[in-house]
Amino acid sequence: VQTEFFQSNHEGAIVDAIQQAYGRID
C-alpha cells in the first residue's frame, strides 16, 4: 500500500489535507 504523511499543528491545514484527499486517497 502507498502512503502519504501529513502532520500539522493547525486545524485548517488538517481540514485542507482531508479535502485534498478526495478522489485520490482510498
PDB file of all heavy atoms in Angstrom:
ATOM      1  N   VAL A   1       0.842  -1.194   0.000  1.00  0.00           N
ATOM      2  CA  VAL A   1       0.000   0.000   0.000  1.00  0.00           C
ATOM      3  C   VAL A   1       0.879   1.247   0.000  1.00  0.00           C
ATOM      4  O   VAL A   1       1.881   1.319   0.718  1.00  0.00           O
ATOM      5  CB  VAL A   1      -0.919  -0.019   1.244  1.00  0.00           C
ATOM      6  CG1 VAL A   1      -1.656   1.281   1.414  1.00  0.00           C
ATOM      7  CG2 VAL A   1      -1.892  -1.178   1.163  1.00  0.00           C
ATOM      8  N   GLN A   2       0.495   2.237  -0.791  1.00  0.00           N
ATOM      9  CA  GLN A   2       1.197   3.519  -0.808  1.00  0.00           C
ATOM     10  C   GLN A   2       0.727   4.361   0.373  1.00  0.00           C
ATOM     11  O   GLN A   2      -0.427   4.265   0.793  1.00  0.00           O
ATOM     12  CB  GLN A   2       0.895   4.283  -2.092  1.00  0.00           C
ATOM     13  CG  GLN A   2       1.396   3.632  -3.344  1.00  0.00           C
ATOM     14  CD  GLN A   2       1.015   4.466  -4.560  1.00  0.00           C
ATOM     15  OE1 GLN A   2       0.029   5.177  -4.571  1.00  0.00           O
ATOM     16  NE2 GLN A   2       1.839   4.363  -5.588  1.00  0.00           N
ATOM     17  N   THR A   3       1.624   5.196   0.881  1.00  0.00           N
ATOM     18  CA  THR A   3       1.279   6.079   1.985  1.00  0.00           C
ATOM     19  C   THR A   3       1.696   7.501   1.690  1.00  0.00           C
ATOM     20  O   THR A   3       2.673   7.749   0.985  1.00  0.00           O
ATOM     21  CB  THR A   3       1.955   5.643   3.301  1.00  0.00           C
ATOM     22  OG1 THR A   3       3.345   5.461   3.062  1.00  0.00           O
ATOM     23  CG2 THR A   3       1.344   4.379   3.865  1.00  0.00           C
ATOM     24  N   GLU A   4       0.929   8.391   2.248  1.00  0.00           N
ATOM     25  CA  GLU A   4       1.253   9.818   2.216  1.00  0.00           C
ATOM     26  C   GLU A   4       1.086  10.292   3.662  1.00  0.00           C
ATOM     27  O   GLU A   4       0.095   9.948   4.316  1.00  0.00           O
ATOM     28  CB  GLU A   4       0.268  10.523   1.297  1.00  0.00           C
ATOM     29  CG  GLU A   4       0.522  11.979   1.084  1.00  0.00           C
ATOM     30  CD  GLU A   4      -0.455  12.560   0.069  1.00  0.00           C
ATOM     31  OE1 GLU A   4      -0.567  11.994  -1.035  1.00  0.00           O
ATOM     32  OE2 GLU A   4      -1.104  13.569   0.401  1.00  0.00           O
ATOM     33  N   PHE A   5       2.037  11.070   4.159  1.00  0.00           N
ATOM     34  CA  PHE A   5       2.009  11.518   5.546  1.00  0.00           C
ATOM     35  C   PHE A   5       1.797  13.021   5.611  1.00  0.00           C
ATOM     36  O   PHE A   5       2.337  13.770   4.798  1.00  0.00           O
ATOM     37  CB  PHE A   5       3.312  11.149   6.254  1.00  0.00           C
ATOM     38  CG  PHE A   5       3.483   9.666   6.415  1.00  0.00           C
ATOM     39  CD1 PHE A   5       4.029   8.893   5.394  1.00  0.00           C
ATOM     40  CD2 PHE A   5       3.069   9.032   7.572  1.00  0.00           C
ATOM     41  CE1 PHE A   5       4.165   7.532   5.527  1.00  0.00           C
ATOM     42  CE2 PHE A   5       3.203   7.664   7.721  1.00  0.00           C
ATOM     43  CZ  PHE A   5       3.750   6.905   6.691  1.00  0.00           C
ATOM     44  N   PHE A   6       1.022  13.427   6.608  1.00  0.00           N
ATOM     45  CA  PHE A   6       0.762  14.846   6.820  1.00  0.00           C
ATOM     46  C   PHE A   6       0.687  15.093   8.316  1.00  0.00           C
ATOM     47  O   PHE A   6      -0.032  14.386   9.034  1.00  0.00           O
ATOM     48  CB  PHE A   6      -0.560  15.251   6.154  1.00  0.00           C
ATOM     49  CG  PHE A   6      -0.866  16.715   6.318  1.00  0.00           C
ATOM     50  CD1 PHE A   6      -0.263  17.651   5.491  1.00  0.00           C
ATOM     51  CD2 PHE A   6      -1.721  17.154   7.318  1.00  0.00           C
ATOM     52  CE1 PHE A   6      -0.519  19.012   5.664  1.00  0.00           C
ATOM     53  CE2 PHE A   6      -1.984  18.498   7.490  1.00  0.00           C
ATOM     54  CZ  PHE A   6      -1.380  19.431   6.658  1.00  0.00           C
ATOM     55  N   GLN A   7       1.424  16.087   8.787  1.00  0.00           N
ATOM     56  CA  GLN A   7       1.354  16.499  10.190  1.00  0.00           C
ATOM     57  C   GLN A   7       1.235  18.005  10.222  1.00  0.00           C
ATOM     58  O   GLN A   7       1.939  18.717   9.509  1.00  0.00           O
ATOM     59  CB  GLN A   7       2.610  16.052  10.957  1.00  0.00           C
ATOM     60  CG  GLN A   7       2.552  16.272  12.465  1.00  0.00           C
ATOM     61  CD  GLN A   7       2.826  17.702  12.934  1.00  0.00           C
ATOM     62  OE1 GLN A   7       3.643  18.413  12.370  1.00  0.00           O
ATOM     63  NE2 GLN A   7       2.135  18.119  13.970  1.00  0.00           N
ATOM     64  N   SER A   8       0.321  18.479  11.059  1.00  0.00           N
ATOM     65  CA  SER A   8       0.200  19.922  11.232  1.00  0.00           C
ATOM     66  C   SER A   8      -0.285  20.237  12.635  1.00  0.00           C
ATOM     67  O   SER A   8      -1.043  19.474  13.234  1.00  0.00           O
ATOM     68  CB  SER A   8      -0.781  20.512  10.211  1.00  0.00           C
ATOM     69  OG  SER A   8      -0.857  21.923  10.395  1.00  0.00           O
ATOM     70  N   ASN A   9       0.134  21.399  13.095  1.00  0.00           N
ATOM     71  CA  ASN A   9      -0.349  21.934  14.362  1.00  0.00           C
ATOM     72  C   ASN A   9      -1.539  22.861  14.155  1.00  0.00           C
ATOM     73  O   ASN A   9      -2.017  23.472  15.114  1.00  0.00           O
ATOM     74  CB  ASN A   9       0.783  22.684  15.070  1.00  0.00           C
ATOM     75  CG  ASN A   9       1.929  21.759  15.439  1.00  0.00           C
ATOM     76  OD1 ASN A   9       1.719  20.655  15.911  1.00  0.00           O
ATOM     77  ND2 ASN A   9       3.144  22.202  15.202  1.00  0.00           N
ATOM     78  N   HIS A  10      -2.014  22.959  12.918  1.00  0.00           N
ATOM     79  CA  HIS A  10      -3.058  23.917  12.560  1.00  0.00           C
ATOM     80  C   HIS A  10      -4.312  23.203  12.054  1.00  0.00           C
ATOM     81  O   HIS A  10      -4.250  22.441  11.079  1.00  0.00           O
ATOM     82  CB  HIS A  10      -2.534  24.891  11.506  1.00  0.00           C
ATOM     83  CG  HIS A  10      -1.270  25.567  11.940  1.00  0.00           C
ATOM     84  ND1 HIS A  10      -1.259  26.620  12.827  1.00  0.00           N
ATOM     85  CD2 HIS A  10       0.022  25.304  11.646  1.00  0.00           C
ATOM     86  CE1 HIS A  10      -0.024  26.984  13.046  1.00  0.00           C
ATOM     87  NE2 HIS A  10       0.784  26.203  12.346  1.00  0.00           N
ATOM     88  N   GLU A  11      -5.420  23.485  12.684  1.00  0.00           N
ATOM     89  CA  GLU A  11      -6.683  22.827  12.345  1.00  0.00           C
ATOM     90  C   GLU A  11      -7.055  23.002  10.879  1.00  0.00           C
ATOM     91  O   GLU A  11      -7.430  22.041  10.198  1.00  0.00           O
ATOM     92  CB  GLU A  11      -7.788  23.387  13.250  1.00  0.00           C
ATOM     93  CG  GLU A  11      -9.146  22.768  13.027  1.00  0.00           C
ATOM     94  CD  GLU A  11     -10.188  23.381  13.945  1.00  0.00           C
ATOM     95  OE1 GLU A  11     -10.053  24.576  14.319  1.00  0.00           O
ATOM     96  OE2 GLU A  11     -11.147  22.676  14.286  1.00  0.00           O
ATOM     97  N   GLY A  12      -6.975  24.215  10.362  1.00  0.00           N
ATOM     98  CA  GLY A  12      -7.347  24.471   8.972  1.00  0.00           C
ATOM     99  C   GLY A  12      -6.487  23.703   7.986  1.00  0.00           C
ATOM    100  O   GLY A  12      -6.976  23.247   6.945  1.00  0.00           O
ATOM    101  N   ALA A  13      -5.222  23.540   8.289  1.00  0.00           N
ATOM    102  CA  ALA A  13      -4.333  22.779   7.406  1.00  0.00           C
ATOM    103  C   ALA A  13      -4.751  21.310   7.365  1.00  0.00           C
ATOM    104  O   ALA A  13      -4.689  20.672   6.305  1.00  0.00           O
ATOM    105  CB  ALA A  13      -2.885  22.920   7.870  1.00  0.00           C
ATOM    106  N   ILE A  14      -5.198  20.789   8.504  1.00  0.00           N
ATOM    107  CA  ILE A  14      -5.680  19.404   8.541  1.00  0.00           C
ATOM    108  C   ILE A  14      -6.964  19.277   7.734  1.00  0.00           C
ATOM    109  O   ILE A  14      -7.131  18.328   6.957  1.00  0.00           O
ATOM    110  CB  ILE A  14      -5.859  18.930  10.003  1.00  0.00           C
ATOM    111  CG1 ILE A  14      -4.488  18.876  10.697  1.00  0.00           C
ATOM    112  CG2 ILE A  14      -6.562  17.571  10.057  1.00  0.00           C
ATOM    113  CD1 ILE A  14      -4.546  18.693  12.193  1.00  0.00           C
ATOM    114  N   VAL A  15      -7.863  20.232   7.874  1.00  0.00           N
ATOM    115  CA  VAL A  15      -9.091  20.243   7.067  1.00  0.00           C
ATOM    116  C   VAL A  15      -8.729  20.285   5.584  1.00  0.00           C
ATOM    117  O   VAL A  15      -9.289  19.537   4.773  1.00  0.00           O
ATOM    118  CB  VAL A  15     -10.002  21.422   7.471  1.00  0.00           C
ATOM    119  CG1 VAL A  15     -11.139  21.607   6.479  1.00  0.00           C
ATOM    120  CG2 VAL A  15     -10.545  21.221   8.878  1.00  0.00           C
ATOM    121  N   ASP A  16      -7.798  21.147   5.208  1.00  0.00           N
ATOM    122  CA  ASP A  16      -7.362  21.230   3.806  1.00  0.00           C
ATOM    123  C   ASP A  16      -6.819  19.891   3.316  1.00  0.00           C
ATOM    124  O   ASP A  16      -7.122  19.461   2.196  1.00  0.00           O
ATOM    125  CB  ASP A  16      -6.299  22.307   3.627  1.00  0.00           C
ATOM    126  CG  ASP A  16      -6.835  23.722   3.767  1.00  0.00           C
ATOM    127  OD1 ASP A  16      -8.063  23.925   3.688  1.00  0.00           O
ATOM    128  OD2 ASP A  16      -6.005  24.640   3.969  1.00  0.00           O
ATOM    129  N   ALA A  17      -6.007  19.228   4.123  1.00  0.00           N
ATOM    130  CA  ALA A  17      -5.425  17.939   3.723  1.00  0.00           C
ATOM    131  C   ALA A  17      -6.519  16.896   3.500  1.00  0.00           C
ATOM    132  O   ALA A  17      -6.453  16.110   2.545  1.00  0.00           O
ATOM    133  CB  ALA A  17      -4.429  17.456   4.769  1.00  0.00           C
ATOM    134  N   ILE A  18      -7.519  16.892   4.363  1.00  0.00           N
ATOM    135  CA  ILE A  18      -8.640  15.953   4.201  1.00  0.00           C
ATOM    136  C   ILE A  18      -9.394  16.262   2.914  1.00  0.00           C
ATOM    137  O   ILE A  18      -9.692  15.358   2.119  1.00  0.00           O
ATOM    138  CB  ILE A  18      -9.568  16.002   5.425  1.00  0.00           C
ATOM    139  CG1 ILE A  18      -8.849  15.462   6.668  1.00  0.00           C
ATOM    140  CG2 ILE A  18     -10.864  15.224   5.154  1.00  0.00           C
ATOM    141  CD1 ILE A  18      -9.550  15.764   7.980  1.00  0.00           C
ATOM    142  N   GLN A  19      -9.691  17.517   2.684  1.00  0.00           N
ATOM    143  CA  GLN A  19     -10.416  17.899   1.470  1.00  0.00           C
ATOM    144  C   GLN A  19      -9.613  17.547   0.217  1.00  0.00           C
ATOM    145  O   GLN A  19     -10.169  17.065  -0.774  1.00  0.00           O
ATOM    146  CB  GLN A  19     -10.753  19.381   1.485  1.00  0.00           C
ATOM    147  CG  GLN A  19     -11.797  19.750   2.514  1.00  0.00           C
ATOM    148  CD  GLN A  19     -12.065  21.243   2.569  1.00  0.00           C
ATOM    149  OE1 GLN A  19     -11.453  22.040   1.862  1.00  0.00           O
ATOM    150  NE2 GLN A  19     -12.989  21.627   3.432  1.00  0.00           N
ATOM    151  N   GLN A  20      -8.308  17.770   0.243  1.00  0.00           N
ATOM    152  CA  GLN A  20      -7.451  17.489  -0.911  1.00  0.00           C
ATOM    153  C   GLN A  20      -7.290  15.986  -1.161  1.00  0.00           C
ATOM    154  O   GLN A  20      -6.852  15.577  -2.238  1.00  0.00           O
ATOM    155  CB  GLN A  20      -6.094  18.158  -0.738  1.00  0.00           C
ATOM    156  CG  GLN A  20      -6.192  19.674  -0.809  1.00  0.00           C
ATOM    157  CD  GLN A  20      -4.965  20.389  -0.268  1.00  0.00           C
ATOM    158  OE1 GLN A  20      -3.968  19.781   0.072  1.00  0.00           O
ATOM    159  NE2 GLN A  20      -5.057  21.706  -0.176  1.00  0.00           N
ATOM    160  N   ALA A  21      -7.674  15.166  -0.187  1.00  0.00           N
ATOM    161  CA  ALA A  21      -7.600  13.711  -0.348  1.00  0.00           C
ATOM    162  C   ALA A  21      -8.725  13.169  -1.225  1.00  0.00           C
ATOM    163  O   ALA A  21      -8.612  12.080  -1.791  1.00  0.00           O
ATOM    164  CB  ALA A  21      -7.651  13.037   1.027  1.00  0.00           C
ATOM    165  N   TYR A  22      -9.778  13.942  -1.358  1.00  0.00           N
ATOM    166  CA  TYR A  22     -10.942  13.493  -2.125  1.00  0.00           C
ATOM    167  C   TYR A  22     -10.546  13.108  -3.557  1.00  0.00           C
ATOM    168  O   TYR A  22      -9.873  13.859  -4.247  1.00  0.00           O
ATOM    169  CB  TYR A  22     -12.010  14.588  -2.163  1.00  0.00           C
ATOM    170  CG  TYR A  22     -13.257  14.171  -2.899  1.00  0.00           C
ATOM    171  CD1 TYR A  22     -14.163  13.307  -2.305  1.00  0.00           C
ATOM    172  CD2 TYR A  22     -13.492  14.607  -4.191  1.00  0.00           C
ATOM    173  CE1 TYR A  22     -15.303  12.896  -2.986  1.00  0.00           C
ATOM    174  CE2 TYR A  22     -14.630  14.198  -4.879  1.00  0.00           C
ATOM    175  CZ  TYR A  22     -15.529  13.338  -4.267  1.00  0.00           C
ATOM    176  OH  TYR A  22     -16.643  12.934  -4.948  1.00  0.00           O
ATOM    177  N   GLY A  23     -10.938  11.905  -3.941  1.00  0.00           N
ATOM    178  CA  GLY A  23     -10.699  11.438  -5.293  1.00  0.00           C
ATOM    179  C   GLY A  23      -9.317  10.868  -5.561  1.00  0.00           C
ATOM    180  O   GLY A  23      -9.049  10.368  -6.647  1.00  0.00           O
ATOM    181  N   ARG A  24      -8.423  10.928  -4.575  1.00  0.00           N
ATOM    182  CA  ARG A  24      -7.074  10.402  -4.804  1.00  0.00           C
ATOM    183  C   ARG A  24      -6.553   9.519  -3.674  1.00  0.00           C
ATOM    184  O   ARG A  24      -5.528   8.868  -3.805  1.00  0.00           O
ATOM    185  CB  ARG A  24      -6.085  11.535  -5.099  1.00  0.00           C
ATOM    186  CG  ARG A  24      -5.928  12.536  -4.024  1.00  0.00           C
ATOM    187  CD  ARG A  24      -4.936  13.653  -4.380  1.00  0.00           C
ATOM    188  NE  ARG A  24      -4.468  14.280  -3.158  1.00  0.00           N
ATOM    189  CZ  ARG A  24      -3.522  13.796  -2.359  1.00  0.00           C
ATOM    190  NH1 ARG A  24      -2.895  12.699  -2.668  1.00  0.00           N
ATOM    191  NH2 ARG A  24      -3.186  14.437  -1.256  1.00  0.00           N
ATOM    192  N   ILE A  25      -7.273   9.474  -2.545  1.00  0.00           N
ATOM    193  CA  ILE A  25      -6.871   8.675  -1.384  1.00  0.00           C
ATOM    194  C   ILE A  25      -7.983   7.671  -1.095  1.00  0.00           C
ATOM    195  O   ILE A  25      -9.170   7.997  -1.160  1.00  0.00           O
ATOM    196  CB  ILE A  25      -6.632   9.586  -0.148  1.00  0.00           C
ATOM    197  CG1 ILE A  25      -5.451  10.533  -0.374  1.00  0.00           C
ATOM    198  CG2 ILE A  25      -6.457   8.769   1.127  1.00  0.00           C
ATOM    199  CD1 ILE A  25      -4.082   9.866  -0.439  1.00  0.00           C
ATOM    200  N   ASP A  26      -7.587   6.435  -0.760  1.00  0.00           N
ATOM    201  CA  ASP A  26      -8.564   5.369  -0.515  1.00  0.00           C
ATOM    202  C   ASP A  26      -8.907   5.169   0.952  1.00  0.00           C
ATOM    203  O   ASP A  26      -9.938   4.570   1.275  1.00  0.00           O
ATOM    204  CB  ASP A  26      -8.028   4.055  -1.091  1.00  0.00           C
ATOM    205  CG  ASP A  26      -7.703   4.187  -2.561  1.00  0.00           C
ATOM    206  OD1 ASP A  26      -8.610   4.526  -3.338  1.00  0.00           O
ATOM    207  OD2 ASP A  26      -6.521   3.975  -2.927  1.00  0.00           O
TER     208      ASP A  26
END
